[in-house]
N, C-alpha and C. Protein backbone atom coordinates (compact mmCIF):
# COMPACT_ATOMS: atom_id res chain seq x y z
N MET A 1 3.84 -20.11 -17.81
CA MET A 1 3.76 -18.97 -16.91
C MET A 1 4.68 -19.21 -15.71
N LEU A 2 5.44 -18.20 -15.37
CA LEU A 2 6.34 -18.29 -14.23
C LEU A 2 5.55 -18.40 -12.93
N THR A 3 5.93 -19.36 -12.09
CA THR A 3 5.25 -19.55 -10.80
C THR A 3 6.27 -19.55 -9.68
N HIS A 4 5.98 -18.79 -8.63
CA HIS A 4 6.81 -18.79 -7.43
C HIS A 4 6.13 -19.67 -6.38
N GLU A 5 6.84 -20.66 -5.90
CA GLU A 5 6.27 -21.54 -4.89
C GLU A 5 6.10 -20.79 -3.56
N SER A 6 5.29 -21.36 -2.70
CA SER A 6 4.91 -20.69 -1.46
C SER A 6 6.13 -20.30 -0.61
N ASP A 7 7.04 -21.24 -0.42
CA ASP A 7 8.23 -20.94 0.40
C ASP A 7 9.11 -19.87 -0.25
N THR A 8 9.15 -19.87 -1.57
CA THR A 8 9.94 -18.87 -2.30
C THR A 8 9.36 -17.48 -2.08
N GLN A 9 8.03 -17.37 -2.13
CA GLN A 9 7.39 -16.07 -1.92
C GLN A 9 7.70 -15.54 -0.53
N ASP A 10 7.59 -16.40 0.48
CA ASP A 10 7.88 -15.98 1.85
C ASP A 10 9.35 -15.58 2.00
N ALA A 11 10.24 -16.37 1.40
CA ALA A 11 11.68 -16.08 1.52
C ALA A 11 12.03 -14.75 0.86
N ALA A 12 11.43 -14.47 -0.29
CA ALA A 12 11.71 -13.22 -0.98
C ALA A 12 11.24 -12.02 -0.17
N THR A 13 10.03 -12.13 0.39
CA THR A 13 9.50 -11.04 1.23
C THR A 13 10.41 -10.81 2.43
N SER A 14 10.81 -11.88 3.11
CA SER A 14 11.67 -11.74 4.28
C SER A 14 13.03 -11.16 3.91
N ALA A 15 13.58 -11.57 2.77
CA ALA A 15 14.90 -11.10 2.37
C ALA A 15 14.91 -9.60 2.14
N VAL A 16 13.86 -9.07 1.51
CA VAL A 16 13.78 -7.63 1.28
C VAL A 16 13.64 -6.89 2.59
N LEU A 17 12.71 -7.34 3.43
CA LEU A 17 12.43 -6.62 4.67
C LEU A 17 13.57 -6.73 5.68
N ASP A 18 14.33 -7.81 5.63
CA ASP A 18 15.49 -7.94 6.53
C ASP A 18 16.52 -6.84 6.27
N LEU A 19 16.54 -6.30 5.07
CA LEU A 19 17.48 -5.22 4.75
C LEU A 19 17.20 -3.96 5.57
N ILE A 20 15.92 -3.74 5.93
CA ILE A 20 15.58 -2.58 6.76
C ILE A 20 16.22 -2.70 8.13
N ASP A 21 16.39 -3.94 8.60
CA ASP A 21 16.93 -4.18 9.95
C ASP A 21 18.43 -4.48 9.94
N ALA A 22 19.08 -4.39 8.78
CA ALA A 22 20.45 -4.88 8.66
C ALA A 22 21.49 -3.98 9.33
N ALA A 23 21.19 -2.70 9.48
CA ALA A 23 22.18 -1.79 10.08
C ALA A 23 22.21 -1.96 11.60
N ALA A 24 23.16 -1.29 12.23
CA ALA A 24 23.31 -1.41 13.69
C ALA A 24 22.14 -0.78 14.44
N THR A 25 21.48 0.20 13.83
CA THR A 25 20.33 0.85 14.45
C THR A 25 19.08 0.56 13.63
N ALA A 26 17.92 0.81 14.24
CA ALA A 26 16.65 0.51 13.59
C ALA A 26 16.44 1.39 12.36
N GLY A 27 15.64 0.89 11.43
CA GLY A 27 15.30 1.67 10.24
C GLY A 27 14.21 2.67 10.53
N ASP A 28 13.82 3.41 9.49
CA ASP A 28 12.75 4.40 9.67
C ASP A 28 11.84 4.44 8.45
N LEU A 29 10.73 5.13 8.63
CA LEU A 29 9.76 5.40 7.57
C LEU A 29 9.68 6.90 7.37
N GLN A 30 9.81 7.34 6.12
CA GLN A 30 9.67 8.76 5.82
C GLN A 30 8.49 8.98 4.87
N LEU A 31 7.77 10.07 5.10
CA LEU A 31 6.77 10.55 4.16
C LEU A 31 7.31 11.77 3.45
N LEU A 32 7.09 11.85 2.12
CA LEU A 32 7.66 12.91 1.32
C LEU A 32 6.61 13.51 0.39
N THR A 33 6.86 14.73 -0.04
CA THR A 33 6.02 15.35 -1.06
C THR A 33 6.39 14.77 -2.43
N ALA A 34 5.63 15.16 -3.46
CA ALA A 34 5.96 14.74 -4.82
C ALA A 34 7.32 15.23 -5.26
N ALA A 35 7.79 16.34 -4.64
CA ALA A 35 9.10 16.91 -4.97
C ALA A 35 10.20 16.40 -4.04
N ASP A 36 9.88 15.36 -3.24
CA ASP A 36 10.85 14.69 -2.35
C ASP A 36 11.24 15.48 -1.11
N ALA A 37 10.44 16.49 -0.73
CA ALA A 37 10.68 17.16 0.55
C ALA A 37 10.19 16.24 1.67
N VAL A 38 11.01 16.06 2.69
CA VAL A 38 10.67 15.16 3.78
C VAL A 38 9.69 15.85 4.74
N LEU A 39 8.55 15.21 4.97
CA LEU A 39 7.53 15.75 5.87
C LEU A 39 7.55 15.09 7.23
N LEU A 40 8.01 13.85 7.28
CA LEU A 40 7.93 13.09 8.53
C LEU A 40 8.96 11.98 8.49
N THR A 41 9.61 11.74 9.61
CA THR A 41 10.53 10.60 9.77
C THR A 41 10.15 9.89 11.06
N GLN A 42 9.82 8.61 10.94
CA GLN A 42 9.38 7.83 12.09
C GLN A 42 10.29 6.63 12.28
N LEU A 43 10.93 6.55 13.46
CA LEU A 43 11.76 5.39 13.78
C LEU A 43 10.87 4.15 13.89
N LEU A 44 11.36 3.03 13.36
CA LEU A 44 10.59 1.80 13.35
C LEU A 44 11.03 0.84 14.45
N SER A 45 10.17 -0.13 14.70
CA SER A 45 10.55 -1.23 15.59
C SER A 45 11.67 -2.03 14.92
N ASP A 46 12.32 -2.85 15.72
CA ASP A 46 13.36 -3.72 15.19
C ASP A 46 13.10 -5.14 15.71
N PRO A 47 12.58 -6.05 14.88
CA PRO A 47 12.43 -5.93 13.43
C PRO A 47 11.27 -5.01 13.03
N ALA A 48 11.39 -4.43 11.85
CA ALA A 48 10.39 -3.47 11.37
C ALA A 48 9.10 -4.16 10.95
N PHE A 49 9.19 -5.40 10.48
CA PHE A 49 8.03 -6.15 10.01
C PHE A 49 7.94 -7.50 10.70
N ALA A 50 6.71 -7.99 10.84
CA ALA A 50 6.50 -9.34 11.34
C ALA A 50 6.85 -10.35 10.25
N ASP A 51 6.99 -11.61 10.63
CA ASP A 51 7.25 -12.66 9.64
C ASP A 51 6.06 -12.77 8.68
N PRO A 52 6.32 -13.13 7.44
CA PRO A 52 5.22 -13.23 6.46
C PRO A 52 4.18 -14.27 6.87
N VAL A 53 2.93 -13.93 6.63
CA VAL A 53 1.81 -14.86 6.78
C VAL A 53 1.06 -14.85 5.46
N GLY A 54 0.98 -16.00 4.80
CA GLY A 54 0.37 -16.02 3.48
C GLY A 54 1.12 -15.16 2.49
N HIS A 55 2.45 -15.09 2.63
CA HIS A 55 3.36 -14.37 1.74
C HIS A 55 3.34 -12.86 1.94
N VAL A 56 2.60 -12.38 2.94
CA VAL A 56 2.47 -10.95 3.19
C VAL A 56 2.98 -10.65 4.60
N ALA A 57 3.81 -9.62 4.73
CA ALA A 57 4.36 -9.23 6.03
C ALA A 57 3.76 -7.89 6.45
N ALA A 58 3.40 -7.77 7.72
CA ALA A 58 2.77 -6.56 8.24
C ALA A 58 3.79 -5.72 9.01
N LEU A 59 3.71 -4.42 8.85
CA LEU A 59 4.55 -3.48 9.60
C LEU A 59 4.30 -3.64 11.09
N SER A 60 5.35 -3.74 11.86
CA SER A 60 5.22 -3.93 13.32
C SER A 60 4.81 -2.63 14.01
N GLY A 61 4.09 -2.79 15.12
CA GLY A 61 3.78 -1.64 15.98
C GLY A 61 2.68 -0.74 15.50
N THR A 62 1.92 -1.18 14.50
CA THR A 62 0.81 -0.34 14.02
C THR A 62 -0.42 -0.53 14.90
N PRO A 63 -1.27 0.49 15.03
CA PRO A 63 -1.12 1.80 14.38
C PRO A 63 0.01 2.62 14.99
N ILE A 64 0.67 3.41 14.16
CA ILE A 64 1.78 4.26 14.59
C ILE A 64 1.30 5.70 14.61
N ALA A 65 1.53 6.39 15.71
CA ALA A 65 1.23 7.83 15.81
C ALA A 65 2.55 8.58 15.64
N ALA A 66 2.73 9.17 14.47
CA ALA A 66 3.96 9.89 14.15
C ALA A 66 3.67 11.39 14.11
N THR A 67 4.73 12.19 14.17
CA THR A 67 4.57 13.64 14.18
C THR A 67 5.20 14.24 12.92
N ALA A 68 4.40 15.02 12.20
CA ALA A 68 4.90 15.68 10.99
C ALA A 68 5.88 16.79 11.37
N ALA A 69 7.01 16.84 10.67
CA ALA A 69 8.01 17.86 10.93
C ALA A 69 7.83 19.09 10.03
N ALA A 70 7.06 18.93 8.96
CA ALA A 70 6.87 20.03 8.00
C ALA A 70 5.49 19.91 7.38
N ALA A 71 5.04 21.00 6.78
CA ALA A 71 3.73 21.03 6.12
C ALA A 71 3.87 20.66 4.65
N GLY A 72 2.87 19.98 4.14
CA GLY A 72 2.85 19.61 2.73
C GLY A 72 1.96 18.40 2.52
N THR A 73 1.77 18.02 1.27
CA THR A 73 0.94 16.87 0.95
C THR A 73 1.82 15.66 0.68
N ALA A 74 1.63 14.63 1.47
CA ALA A 74 2.42 13.40 1.31
C ALA A 74 1.99 12.69 0.03
N ALA A 75 2.96 12.41 -0.83
CA ALA A 75 2.70 11.70 -2.08
C ALA A 75 3.54 10.44 -2.21
N LYS A 76 4.60 10.35 -1.40
CA LYS A 76 5.51 9.21 -1.47
C LYS A 76 5.91 8.78 -0.06
N PHE A 77 6.38 7.55 0.04
CA PHE A 77 7.00 7.09 1.29
C PHE A 77 8.26 6.32 0.94
N ARG A 78 9.12 6.17 1.95
CA ARG A 78 10.26 5.27 1.78
C ARG A 78 10.62 4.66 3.12
N PHE A 79 10.98 3.39 3.10
CA PHE A 79 11.55 2.71 4.25
C PHE A 79 13.05 2.69 4.07
N ARG A 80 13.77 3.09 5.12
CA ARG A 80 15.23 3.14 5.06
C ARG A 80 15.81 2.27 6.16
N ASP A 81 17.03 1.79 5.94
CA ASP A 81 17.73 1.11 7.03
C ASP A 81 18.33 2.15 7.97
N GLY A 82 18.96 1.68 9.03
CA GLY A 82 19.50 2.59 10.04
C GLY A 82 20.62 3.47 9.55
N ASP A 83 21.18 3.17 8.39
CA ASP A 83 22.24 4.00 7.79
C ASP A 83 21.68 5.01 6.80
N GLY A 84 20.36 5.00 6.61
CA GLY A 84 19.74 5.97 5.71
C GLY A 84 19.62 5.52 4.27
N THR A 85 19.87 4.24 4.01
CA THR A 85 19.74 3.70 2.65
C THR A 85 18.29 3.31 2.39
N THR A 86 17.72 3.77 1.30
CA THR A 86 16.33 3.44 0.97
C THR A 86 16.23 1.98 0.53
N ILE A 87 15.30 1.25 1.16
CA ILE A 87 15.07 -0.15 0.84
C ILE A 87 13.80 -0.33 0.02
N LEU A 88 12.75 0.38 0.41
CA LEU A 88 11.45 0.31 -0.27
C LEU A 88 10.90 1.71 -0.42
N SER A 89 10.18 1.95 -1.49
CA SER A 89 9.49 3.23 -1.63
C SER A 89 8.21 3.01 -2.42
N GLY A 90 7.27 3.95 -2.29
CA GLY A 90 6.00 3.81 -2.99
C GLY A 90 5.15 5.05 -2.86
N SER A 91 3.89 4.92 -3.24
CA SER A 91 2.96 6.05 -3.29
C SER A 91 2.12 6.14 -2.02
N VAL A 92 1.65 7.36 -1.73
CA VAL A 92 0.82 7.64 -0.56
C VAL A 92 -0.47 8.30 -1.03
N GLY A 93 -1.58 7.92 -0.43
CA GLY A 93 -2.86 8.54 -0.76
C GLY A 93 -3.98 7.99 0.09
N GLN A 94 -5.19 8.33 -0.27
CA GLN A 94 -6.36 7.90 0.49
C GLN A 94 -7.01 6.68 -0.14
N SER A 95 -7.64 5.86 0.68
CA SER A 95 -8.41 4.73 0.18
C SER A 95 -9.81 5.20 -0.20
N VAL A 96 -10.54 4.37 -0.94
CA VAL A 96 -11.88 4.72 -1.40
C VAL A 96 -12.81 3.54 -1.22
N ALA A 97 -14.08 3.84 -0.92
CA ALA A 97 -15.08 2.79 -0.77
C ALA A 97 -15.43 2.19 -2.12
N ILE A 98 -15.61 0.89 -2.15
CA ILE A 98 -16.03 0.21 -3.37
C ILE A 98 -17.52 0.47 -3.59
N ALA A 99 -17.86 0.97 -4.78
CA ALA A 99 -19.24 1.36 -5.09
C ALA A 99 -19.93 0.39 -6.04
N GLY A 100 -19.17 -0.51 -6.65
CA GLY A 100 -19.76 -1.47 -7.57
C GLY A 100 -18.82 -2.63 -7.80
N VAL A 101 -19.40 -3.82 -8.04
CA VAL A 101 -18.62 -5.03 -8.28
C VAL A 101 -19.29 -5.82 -9.39
N SER A 102 -18.50 -6.31 -10.35
CA SER A 102 -19.00 -7.23 -11.36
C SER A 102 -18.09 -8.44 -11.41
N THR A 103 -18.62 -9.59 -11.01
CA THR A 103 -17.81 -10.81 -11.04
C THR A 103 -17.57 -11.28 -12.47
N GLY A 104 -18.57 -11.07 -13.35
CA GLY A 104 -18.43 -11.51 -14.73
C GLY A 104 -17.44 -10.68 -15.52
N ALA A 105 -17.54 -9.36 -15.37
CA ALA A 105 -16.64 -8.45 -16.09
C ALA A 105 -15.31 -8.26 -15.37
N LYS A 106 -15.22 -8.77 -14.14
CA LYS A 106 -14.03 -8.62 -13.29
C LYS A 106 -13.68 -7.14 -13.09
N THR A 107 -14.69 -6.39 -12.58
CA THR A 107 -14.48 -4.97 -12.36
C THR A 107 -14.89 -4.55 -10.96
N PHE A 108 -14.19 -3.56 -10.45
CA PHE A 108 -14.57 -2.80 -9.26
C PHE A 108 -14.87 -1.37 -9.71
N SER A 109 -15.86 -0.75 -9.10
CA SER A 109 -16.17 0.65 -9.38
C SER A 109 -15.99 1.48 -8.12
N ILE A 110 -15.43 2.68 -8.28
CA ILE A 110 -15.20 3.59 -7.16
C ILE A 110 -15.54 5.01 -7.60
N ALA A 111 -15.89 5.85 -6.64
CA ALA A 111 -16.21 7.24 -6.95
C ALA A 111 -14.94 8.03 -7.23
N GLY A 112 -15.04 9.00 -8.15
CA GLY A 112 -13.91 9.88 -8.47
C GLY A 112 -13.11 9.37 -9.66
N ASP A 113 -12.12 10.15 -10.03
CA ASP A 113 -11.28 9.79 -11.17
C ASP A 113 -9.90 9.38 -10.68
N LEU A 114 -9.66 8.07 -10.63
CA LEU A 114 -8.36 7.53 -10.25
C LEU A 114 -7.73 6.75 -11.40
N SER A 115 -8.18 7.07 -12.62
CA SER A 115 -7.66 6.36 -13.78
C SER A 115 -6.17 6.63 -14.00
N ALA A 116 -5.67 7.78 -13.55
CA ALA A 116 -4.25 8.09 -13.71
C ALA A 116 -3.38 7.35 -12.70
N VAL A 117 -4.00 6.87 -11.63
CA VAL A 117 -3.29 6.11 -10.60
C VAL A 117 -3.36 4.62 -10.88
N LEU A 118 -4.55 4.15 -11.24
CA LEU A 118 -4.78 2.72 -11.47
C LEU A 118 -4.50 2.39 -12.93
N THR A 119 -3.25 2.46 -13.30
CA THR A 119 -2.84 2.20 -14.67
C THR A 119 -2.59 0.71 -14.89
N ALA A 120 -2.55 0.29 -16.14
CA ALA A 120 -2.35 -1.12 -16.47
C ALA A 120 -1.09 -1.67 -15.82
N GLY A 121 -1.24 -2.79 -15.15
CA GLY A 121 -0.12 -3.43 -14.46
C GLY A 121 0.02 -3.04 -13.00
N ALA A 122 -0.65 -1.97 -12.58
CA ALA A 122 -0.59 -1.56 -11.17
C ALA A 122 -1.29 -2.61 -10.31
N VAL A 123 -0.83 -2.73 -9.08
CA VAL A 123 -1.42 -3.68 -8.14
C VAL A 123 -2.05 -2.89 -6.99
N PHE A 124 -3.29 -3.21 -6.65
CA PHE A 124 -3.96 -2.56 -5.53
C PHE A 124 -4.52 -3.62 -4.59
N ARG A 125 -4.94 -3.17 -3.42
CA ARG A 125 -5.45 -4.08 -2.39
C ARG A 125 -6.90 -3.76 -2.08
N VAL A 126 -7.68 -4.80 -1.80
CA VAL A 126 -9.05 -4.66 -1.31
C VAL A 126 -9.09 -5.22 0.10
N SER A 127 -9.72 -4.47 1.01
CA SER A 127 -9.86 -4.95 2.39
C SER A 127 -11.28 -4.68 2.88
N GLY A 128 -11.66 -5.39 3.92
CA GLY A 128 -12.96 -5.15 4.55
C GLY A 128 -14.16 -5.58 3.73
N SER A 129 -13.95 -6.43 2.74
CA SER A 129 -15.06 -6.90 1.90
C SER A 129 -15.57 -8.24 2.39
N THR A 130 -16.74 -8.63 1.90
CA THR A 130 -17.31 -9.91 2.28
C THR A 130 -16.47 -11.08 1.78
N GLY A 131 -16.03 -11.00 0.51
CA GLY A 131 -15.30 -12.14 -0.03
C GLY A 131 -14.24 -11.82 -1.05
N ASN A 132 -13.85 -10.54 -1.16
CA ASN A 132 -12.90 -10.15 -2.21
C ASN A 132 -11.60 -9.56 -1.69
N ASP A 133 -11.30 -9.72 -0.40
CA ASP A 133 -10.05 -9.18 0.12
C ASP A 133 -8.85 -9.80 -0.59
N GLY A 134 -7.87 -8.99 -0.88
CA GLY A 134 -6.67 -9.49 -1.54
C GLY A 134 -6.07 -8.46 -2.46
N TYR A 135 -5.12 -8.90 -3.27
CA TYR A 135 -4.41 -8.03 -4.20
C TYR A 135 -4.89 -8.29 -5.63
N TYR A 136 -5.00 -7.22 -6.41
CA TYR A 136 -5.49 -7.32 -7.78
C TYR A 136 -4.58 -6.52 -8.72
N THR A 137 -4.46 -7.03 -9.95
CA THR A 137 -3.64 -6.40 -10.97
C THR A 137 -4.54 -5.72 -11.99
N VAL A 138 -4.26 -4.46 -12.29
CA VAL A 138 -5.11 -3.67 -13.18
C VAL A 138 -4.87 -4.05 -14.64
N VAL A 139 -5.98 -4.31 -15.35
CA VAL A 139 -5.94 -4.43 -16.81
C VAL A 139 -6.17 -3.05 -17.42
N SER A 140 -7.20 -2.36 -16.93
CA SER A 140 -7.50 -1.02 -17.41
C SER A 140 -8.37 -0.32 -16.38
N ALA A 141 -8.40 1.01 -16.46
CA ALA A 141 -9.27 1.82 -15.60
C ALA A 141 -9.83 2.95 -16.44
N THR A 142 -11.15 3.09 -16.43
CA THR A 142 -11.81 4.14 -17.22
C THR A 142 -12.66 4.99 -16.31
N HIS A 143 -12.73 6.29 -16.63
CA HIS A 143 -13.52 7.23 -15.83
C HIS A 143 -14.66 7.78 -16.67
N ALA A 144 -15.87 7.72 -16.12
CA ALA A 144 -17.04 8.29 -16.78
C ALA A 144 -18.09 8.63 -15.73
N ASP A 145 -18.70 9.80 -15.86
CA ASP A 145 -19.80 10.22 -14.98
C ASP A 145 -19.43 10.13 -13.50
N GLY A 146 -18.20 10.52 -13.18
CA GLY A 146 -17.79 10.56 -11.78
C GLY A 146 -17.40 9.23 -11.17
N THR A 147 -17.29 8.19 -11.98
CA THR A 147 -16.96 6.86 -11.47
C THR A 147 -15.79 6.28 -12.25
N THR A 148 -14.84 5.67 -11.54
CA THR A 148 -13.76 4.92 -12.17
C THR A 148 -14.09 3.44 -12.10
N THR A 149 -14.06 2.79 -13.24
CA THR A 149 -14.29 1.35 -13.32
C THR A 149 -12.96 0.68 -13.62
N VAL A 150 -12.57 -0.24 -12.74
CA VAL A 150 -11.27 -0.88 -12.82
C VAL A 150 -11.46 -2.34 -13.20
N THR A 151 -10.89 -2.74 -14.32
CA THR A 151 -10.91 -4.14 -14.75
C THR A 151 -9.61 -4.80 -14.29
N VAL A 152 -9.73 -6.01 -13.73
CA VAL A 152 -8.57 -6.67 -13.13
C VAL A 152 -8.29 -8.02 -13.79
N VAL A 153 -7.08 -8.51 -13.58
CA VAL A 153 -6.66 -9.80 -14.13
C VAL A 153 -7.31 -10.94 -13.35
N GLU A 154 -7.30 -10.82 -12.03
CA GLU A 154 -7.74 -11.91 -11.18
C GLU A 154 -9.27 -12.05 -11.17
N ALA A 155 -9.75 -13.23 -10.80
CA ALA A 155 -11.18 -13.45 -10.64
C ALA A 155 -11.69 -12.68 -9.43
N ILE A 156 -12.89 -12.12 -9.55
CA ILE A 156 -13.61 -11.52 -8.43
C ILE A 156 -14.72 -12.50 -8.08
N THR A 157 -14.68 -13.06 -6.90
CA THR A 157 -15.54 -14.21 -6.60
C THR A 157 -16.84 -13.85 -5.90
N ASP A 158 -16.92 -12.67 -5.31
CA ASP A 158 -18.10 -12.30 -4.53
C ASP A 158 -18.72 -11.03 -5.09
N ALA A 159 -20.03 -11.06 -5.35
CA ALA A 159 -20.71 -9.92 -5.97
C ALA A 159 -21.17 -8.87 -4.96
N THR A 160 -20.93 -9.11 -3.66
CA THR A 160 -21.34 -8.16 -2.64
C THR A 160 -20.59 -6.84 -2.81
N VAL A 161 -21.33 -5.74 -2.82
CA VAL A 161 -20.71 -4.42 -2.98
C VAL A 161 -20.36 -3.88 -1.60
N ASP A 162 -19.14 -4.11 -1.20
CA ASP A 162 -18.65 -3.59 0.07
C ASP A 162 -17.13 -3.63 0.06
N GLY A 163 -16.53 -3.09 1.11
CA GLY A 163 -15.08 -3.10 1.22
C GLY A 163 -14.44 -1.80 0.76
N THR A 164 -13.14 -1.76 0.89
CA THR A 164 -12.34 -0.58 0.58
C THR A 164 -11.26 -0.93 -0.42
N LEU A 165 -11.08 -0.06 -1.39
CA LEU A 165 -10.03 -0.24 -2.39
C LEU A 165 -8.89 0.71 -2.05
N HIS A 166 -7.68 0.16 -2.03
CA HIS A 166 -6.48 0.94 -1.68
C HIS A 166 -5.63 1.11 -2.94
N PRO A 167 -5.82 2.23 -3.65
CA PRO A 167 -5.08 2.43 -4.90
C PRO A 167 -3.63 2.83 -4.70
N TYR A 168 -3.31 3.27 -3.49
CA TYR A 168 -1.93 3.70 -3.19
C TYR A 168 -1.24 2.64 -2.34
N ASP A 169 0.08 2.67 -2.35
CA ASP A 169 0.84 1.67 -1.59
C ASP A 169 0.67 1.85 -0.09
N LEU A 170 0.59 3.09 0.36
CA LEU A 170 0.41 3.40 1.78
C LEU A 170 -0.78 4.34 1.91
N THR A 171 -1.72 3.97 2.76
CA THR A 171 -2.96 4.73 2.92
C THR A 171 -2.89 5.63 4.14
N LEU A 172 -3.25 6.91 3.96
CA LEU A 172 -3.42 7.85 5.06
C LEU A 172 -4.84 8.40 5.02
N ASP A 173 -5.38 8.75 6.20
CA ASP A 173 -6.71 9.35 6.24
C ASP A 173 -6.73 10.68 5.50
N ASN A 174 -5.67 11.45 5.66
CA ASN A 174 -5.55 12.74 4.97
C ASN A 174 -4.07 13.02 4.70
N PRO A 175 -3.64 12.95 3.44
CA PRO A 175 -2.22 13.15 3.13
C PRO A 175 -1.74 14.60 3.27
N ALA A 176 -2.66 15.55 3.44
CA ALA A 176 -2.26 16.96 3.61
C ALA A 176 -1.84 17.16 5.07
N LEU A 177 -0.55 17.37 5.30
CA LEU A 177 -0.01 17.42 6.65
C LEU A 177 0.35 18.84 7.06
N VAL A 178 0.28 19.07 8.37
CA VAL A 178 0.67 20.33 8.97
C VAL A 178 1.79 20.05 9.96
N ALA A 179 2.78 20.91 10.03
CA ALA A 179 3.90 20.72 10.96
C ALA A 179 3.39 20.57 12.38
N GLY A 180 3.87 19.56 13.08
CA GLY A 180 3.45 19.30 14.45
C GLY A 180 2.23 18.41 14.57
N GLN A 181 1.60 18.12 13.46
CA GLN A 181 0.40 17.29 13.46
C GLN A 181 0.75 15.84 13.77
N THR A 182 -0.13 15.17 14.53
CA THR A 182 0.00 13.73 14.74
C THR A 182 -0.60 13.01 13.54
N VAL A 183 0.19 12.16 12.93
CA VAL A 183 -0.22 11.43 11.73
C VAL A 183 -0.41 9.97 12.09
N ASN A 184 -1.60 9.45 11.84
CA ASN A 184 -1.89 8.05 12.14
C ASN A 184 -1.54 7.18 10.93
N ILE A 185 -0.64 6.25 11.15
CA ILE A 185 -0.29 5.28 10.12
C ILE A 185 -0.92 3.96 10.56
N PRO A 186 -2.12 3.64 10.03
CA PRO A 186 -2.90 2.53 10.59
C PRO A 186 -2.28 1.17 10.34
N SER A 187 -1.71 0.95 9.17
CA SER A 187 -1.13 -0.35 8.83
C SER A 187 -0.37 -0.23 7.52
N TYR A 188 0.45 -1.23 7.27
CA TYR A 188 1.11 -1.36 5.97
C TYR A 188 1.53 -2.81 5.82
N THR A 189 1.28 -3.38 4.65
CA THR A 189 1.71 -4.75 4.39
C THR A 189 2.54 -4.79 3.12
N TYR A 190 3.45 -5.76 3.07
CA TYR A 190 4.36 -5.88 1.93
C TYR A 190 4.47 -7.34 1.52
N ARG A 191 4.51 -7.55 0.22
CA ARG A 191 4.88 -8.87 -0.32
C ARG A 191 5.79 -8.64 -1.51
N ALA A 192 6.82 -9.48 -1.64
CA ALA A 192 7.83 -9.27 -2.66
C ALA A 192 7.42 -9.82 -4.02
N LEU A 193 6.72 -10.95 -4.03
CA LEU A 193 6.42 -11.64 -5.28
C LEU A 193 4.95 -12.03 -5.34
N LYS A 194 4.43 -12.07 -6.56
CA LYS A 194 3.13 -12.69 -6.79
C LYS A 194 3.35 -14.17 -7.10
N ALA A 195 2.30 -14.96 -6.93
CA ALA A 195 2.42 -16.39 -7.24
C ALA A 195 2.77 -16.58 -8.71
């Protein structure tokens, strides 16, 4: 199995994020609809991200209060350098409370149908839990009776049912935006490689 050493993981994360700061001016973050209409453009700090800690780098200056320029539902984001070149992009959506945990079956359960989002190989984050914070890789996700059950590759070590599951790359309280609205971007973290 391919293994990335600790210093390699940090170096890869820094190398990607340094591209956001490479131009003469600071980079930005844009929120877009599924059809790529730009809803919001927010200038970033320079550097845009803090140095990696535990192979994960956090967006600088959060929480960020940005202003939507147009109305629509945010489905995508992109980080660009100061010249407008896209460096990173991903999905936007809401987080969900964890409603069930099985350490033996290696599953998390959440309300609603997110089986189309949490597809095999997708990576999601858990935060605010007693002992399961971190990143997980999806084996499968099934929906039945209003609940999505997500089976993961990694071990789930704590059976306490708490915390938040972030199925999207960037979490917003409400992705449906109105022009002129203040949009709170609470946080964002990035890592380039898994161990």
